């Protein structure tokens, strides 16, 4: 954690994720690891809140991606 942001581990649904946020530039990044096989990356620039990144990631069908063989 810094004065202008943070990096932390989190979850999106049932999947582990890593979130970065810079409050000065209002930029963020969210990387979701799906079944230890896929990484879904969501970037946001000039967004009000890092929750926006989570909303976009949750809108993707991560469960369907997890079910791919």
N, C-alpha and C. Protein backbone atom coordinates (compact mmCIF):
# COMPACT_ATOMS: atom_id res chain seq x y z
N UNK A 1 0.84 -1.18 0.00
CA UNK A 1 0.00 0.00 0.00
C UNK A 1 0.89 1.24 0.00
N UNK A 2 0.46 2.24 -0.77
CA UNK A 2 1.17 3.51 -0.84
C UNK A 2 0.18 4.64 -0.57
N UNK A 3 0.67 5.86 -0.60
CA UNK A 3 -0.21 7.01 -0.40
C UNK A 3 -1.21 7.16 -1.54
N UNK A 4 -0.86 6.66 -2.71
CA UNK A 4 -1.73 6.85 -3.87
C UNK A 4 -2.38 5.58 -4.39
N UNK A 5 -2.25 4.48 -3.68
CA UNK A 5 -2.88 3.26 -4.17
C UNK A 5 -2.47 2.02 -3.42
N UNK A 6 -2.73 0.87 -4.04
CA UNK A 6 -2.44 -0.40 -3.39
C UNK A 6 -2.36 -1.52 -4.41
N UNK A 7 -1.87 -2.64 -3.96
CA UNK A 7 -1.90 -3.92 -4.67
C UNK A 7 -2.32 -4.95 -3.65
N UNK A 8 -3.29 -5.78 -3.99
CA UNK A 8 -3.76 -6.76 -3.01
C UNK A 8 -4.37 -7.97 -3.71
N UNK A 9 -4.39 -9.06 -2.98
CA UNK A 9 -5.07 -10.26 -3.43
C UNK A 9 -6.54 -10.14 -3.06
N UNK A 10 -7.39 -10.69 -3.91
CA UNK A 10 -8.83 -10.62 -3.68
C UNK A 10 -9.49 -11.81 -4.38
N UNK A 11 -10.79 -11.81 -4.47
CA UNK A 11 -11.52 -12.86 -5.18
C UNK A 11 -12.57 -12.22 -6.07
N UNK A 12 -12.84 -12.87 -7.18
CA UNK A 12 -13.96 -12.52 -8.05
C UNK A 12 -14.80 -13.78 -8.13
N UNK A 13 -15.94 -13.76 -7.50
CA UNK A 13 -16.74 -14.98 -7.37
C UNK A 13 -15.94 -16.00 -6.58
N UNK A 14 -15.73 -17.16 -7.14
CA UNK A 14 -14.97 -18.21 -6.46
C UNK A 14 -13.50 -18.24 -6.87
N UNK A 15 -13.10 -17.32 -7.74
CA UNK A 15 -11.76 -17.36 -8.32
C UNK A 15 -10.82 -16.35 -7.67
N UNK A 16 -9.56 -16.75 -7.44
CA UNK A 16 -8.58 -15.82 -6.86
C UNK A 16 -8.22 -14.74 -7.88
N UNK A 17 -7.89 -13.57 -7.34
CA UNK A 17 -7.56 -12.44 -8.22
C UNK A 17 -6.53 -11.55 -7.54
N UNK A 18 -5.93 -10.68 -8.35
CA UNK A 18 -4.94 -9.71 -7.88
C UNK A 18 -5.36 -8.35 -8.41
N UNK A 19 -5.49 -7.38 -7.50
CA UNK A 19 -5.99 -6.05 -7.86
C UNK A 19 -4.93 -4.98 -7.60
N UNK A 20 -4.79 -4.06 -8.56
CA UNK A 20 -3.92 -2.89 -8.41
C UNK A 20 -4.78 -1.66 -8.59
N UNK A 21 -4.52 -0.62 -7.78
CA UNK A 21 -5.29 0.61 -7.88
C UNK A 21 -4.39 1.81 -7.61
N UNK A 22 -4.49 2.82 -8.48
CA UNK A 22 -3.77 4.08 -8.32
C UNK A 22 -4.81 5.18 -8.22
N UNK A 23 -5.02 5.71 -7.02
CA UNK A 23 -6.07 6.70 -6.82
C UNK A 23 -5.73 8.06 -7.43
N UNK A 24 -4.46 8.36 -7.60
CA UNK A 24 -4.08 9.63 -8.23
C UNK A 24 -4.53 9.67 -9.69
N UNK A 25 -4.21 8.64 -10.43
CA UNK A 25 -4.57 8.58 -11.85
C UNK A 25 -5.91 7.92 -12.09
N UNK A 26 -6.53 7.38 -11.03
CA UNK A 26 -7.78 6.63 -11.13
C UNK A 26 -7.66 5.51 -12.16
N UNK A 27 -6.54 4.80 -12.07
CA UNK A 27 -6.26 3.67 -12.96
C UNK A 27 -6.23 2.38 -12.13
N UNK A 28 -6.71 1.31 -12.72
CA UNK A 28 -6.70 0.05 -12.01
C UNK A 28 -6.53 -1.13 -12.95
N UNK A 29 -6.21 -2.25 -12.33
CA UNK A 29 -6.03 -3.50 -13.06
C UNK A 29 -6.50 -4.63 -12.16
N UNK A 30 -7.20 -5.59 -12.76
CA UNK A 30 -7.68 -6.75 -12.04
C UNK A 30 -7.34 -7.98 -12.87
N UNK A 31 -6.63 -8.93 -12.27
CA UNK A 31 -6.27 -10.19 -12.93
C UNK A 31 -6.93 -11.32 -12.18
N UNK A 32 -7.76 -12.09 -12.87
CA UNK A 32 -8.48 -13.21 -12.27
C UNK A 32 -7.90 -14.50 -12.81
N UNK A 33 -7.59 -15.44 -11.92
CA UNK A 33 -7.05 -16.74 -12.31
C UNK A 33 -8.21 -17.75 -12.27
N UNK A 34 -8.51 -18.31 -13.44
CA UNK A 34 -9.64 -19.23 -13.57
C UNK A 34 -9.11 -20.65 -13.72
N UNK A 35 -9.39 -21.48 -12.74
CA UNK A 35 -9.00 -22.90 -12.72
C UNK A 35 -7.52 -23.15 -12.98
N UNK A 36 -6.69 -22.26 -12.54
CA UNK A 36 -5.24 -22.40 -12.71
C UNK A 36 -4.83 -22.56 -14.17
N UNK A 37 -5.71 -22.16 -15.10
CA UNK A 37 -5.42 -22.32 -16.53
C UNK A 37 -5.51 -21.03 -17.31
N UNK A 38 -6.40 -20.14 -16.89
CA UNK A 38 -6.66 -18.92 -17.65
C UNK A 38 -6.48 -17.70 -16.75
N UNK A 39 -6.02 -16.61 -17.34
CA UNK A 39 -5.95 -15.33 -16.64
C UNK A 39 -6.83 -14.35 -17.41
N UNK A 40 -7.78 -13.78 -16.71
CA UNK A 40 -8.65 -12.77 -17.29
C UNK A 40 -8.20 -11.43 -16.72
N UNK A 41 -7.80 -10.52 -17.62
CA UNK A 41 -7.27 -9.23 -17.19
C UNK A 41 -8.25 -8.12 -17.56
N UNK A 42 -8.56 -7.28 -16.58
CA UNK A 42 -9.44 -6.13 -16.79
C UNK A 42 -8.65 -4.89 -16.41
N UNK A 43 -8.52 -3.95 -17.34
CA UNK A 43 -7.82 -2.68 -17.10
C UNK A 43 -8.85 -1.56 -17.14
N UNK A 44 -8.63 -0.56 -16.28
CA UNK A 44 -9.50 0.61 -16.29
C UNK A 44 -8.69 1.88 -16.12
N UNK A 45 -8.98 2.87 -16.93
CA UNK A 45 -8.32 4.18 -16.85
C UNK A 45 -9.37 5.25 -16.60
N UNK A 46 -9.05 6.15 -15.70
CA UNK A 46 -9.95 7.26 -15.36
C UNK A 46 -11.32 6.75 -14.92
N UNK A 47 -11.32 5.79 -14.00
CA UNK A 47 -12.56 5.25 -13.45
C UNK A 47 -12.71 5.75 -12.02
N UNK A 48 -13.93 5.84 -11.56
CA UNK A 48 -14.21 6.42 -10.24
C UNK A 48 -13.80 5.51 -9.09
N UNK A 49 -13.89 4.20 -9.30
CA UNK A 49 -13.71 3.28 -8.19
C UNK A 49 -13.24 1.93 -8.74
N UNK A 50 -12.39 1.21 -7.99
CA UNK A 50 -11.95 -0.10 -8.48
C UNK A 50 -13.08 -1.14 -8.53
N UNK A 51 -14.20 -0.86 -7.94
CA UNK A 51 -15.34 -1.78 -8.01
C UNK A 51 -15.80 -1.97 -9.46
N UNK A 52 -15.55 -0.97 -10.29
CA UNK A 52 -15.91 -1.05 -11.72
C UNK A 52 -15.19 -2.24 -12.36
N UNK A 53 -13.94 -2.45 -11.99
CA UNK A 53 -13.17 -3.58 -12.54
C UNK A 53 -13.83 -4.90 -12.16
N UNK A 54 -14.26 -5.00 -10.91
CA UNK A 54 -14.92 -6.22 -10.45
C UNK A 54 -16.25 -6.44 -11.18
N UNK A 55 -16.98 -5.37 -11.43
CA UNK A 55 -18.25 -5.50 -12.15
C UNK A 55 -18.04 -6.05 -13.56
N UNK A 56 -17.02 -5.57 -14.25
CA UNK A 56 -16.73 -6.07 -15.59
C UNK A 56 -16.29 -7.53 -15.55
N UNK A 57 -15.44 -7.88 -14.59
CA UNK A 57 -14.97 -9.26 -14.48
C UNK A 57 -16.12 -10.20 -14.16
N UNK A 58 -17.02 -9.77 -13.29
CA UNK A 58 -18.16 -10.60 -12.92
C UNK A 58 -19.15 -10.73 -14.07
N UNK A 59 -19.18 -9.74 -14.97
CA UNK A 59 -20.08 -9.80 -16.12
C UNK A 59 -19.63 -10.85 -17.13
N UNK A 60 -18.34 -11.17 -17.13
CA UNK A 60 -17.84 -12.24 -18.00
C UNK A 60 -18.30 -13.57 -17.42
N UNK A 61 -18.51 -14.55 -18.26
CA UNK A 61 -18.96 -15.86 -17.80
C UNK A 61 -17.73 -16.69 -17.38
N UNK A 62 -17.21 -16.40 -16.20
CA UNK A 62 -16.01 -17.09 -15.72
C UNK A 62 -16.27 -18.57 -15.47
N UNK A 63 -17.48 -18.92 -15.06
CA UNK A 63 -17.82 -20.33 -14.84
C UNK A 63 -17.76 -21.11 -16.15
N UNK A 64 -18.23 -20.51 -17.22
CA UNK A 64 -18.17 -21.17 -18.53
C UNK A 64 -16.72 -21.35 -18.95
N UNK A 65 -15.91 -20.33 -18.74
CA UNK A 65 -14.49 -20.42 -19.05
C UNK A 65 -13.83 -21.53 -18.23
N UNK A 66 -14.22 -21.64 -16.97
CA UNK A 66 -13.66 -22.68 -16.10
C UNK A 66 -14.02 -24.08 -16.59
N UNK A 67 -15.17 -24.20 -17.26
CA UNK A 67 -15.63 -25.50 -17.73
C UNK A 67 -15.02 -25.95 -19.04
N UNK A 68 -14.23 -25.10 -19.69
CA UNK A 68 -13.61 -25.50 -20.96
C UNK A 68 -12.60 -26.61 -20.74
N UNK A 69 -12.55 -27.52 -21.67
CA UNK A 69 -11.61 -28.65 -21.58
C UNK A 69 -10.45 -28.41 -22.50
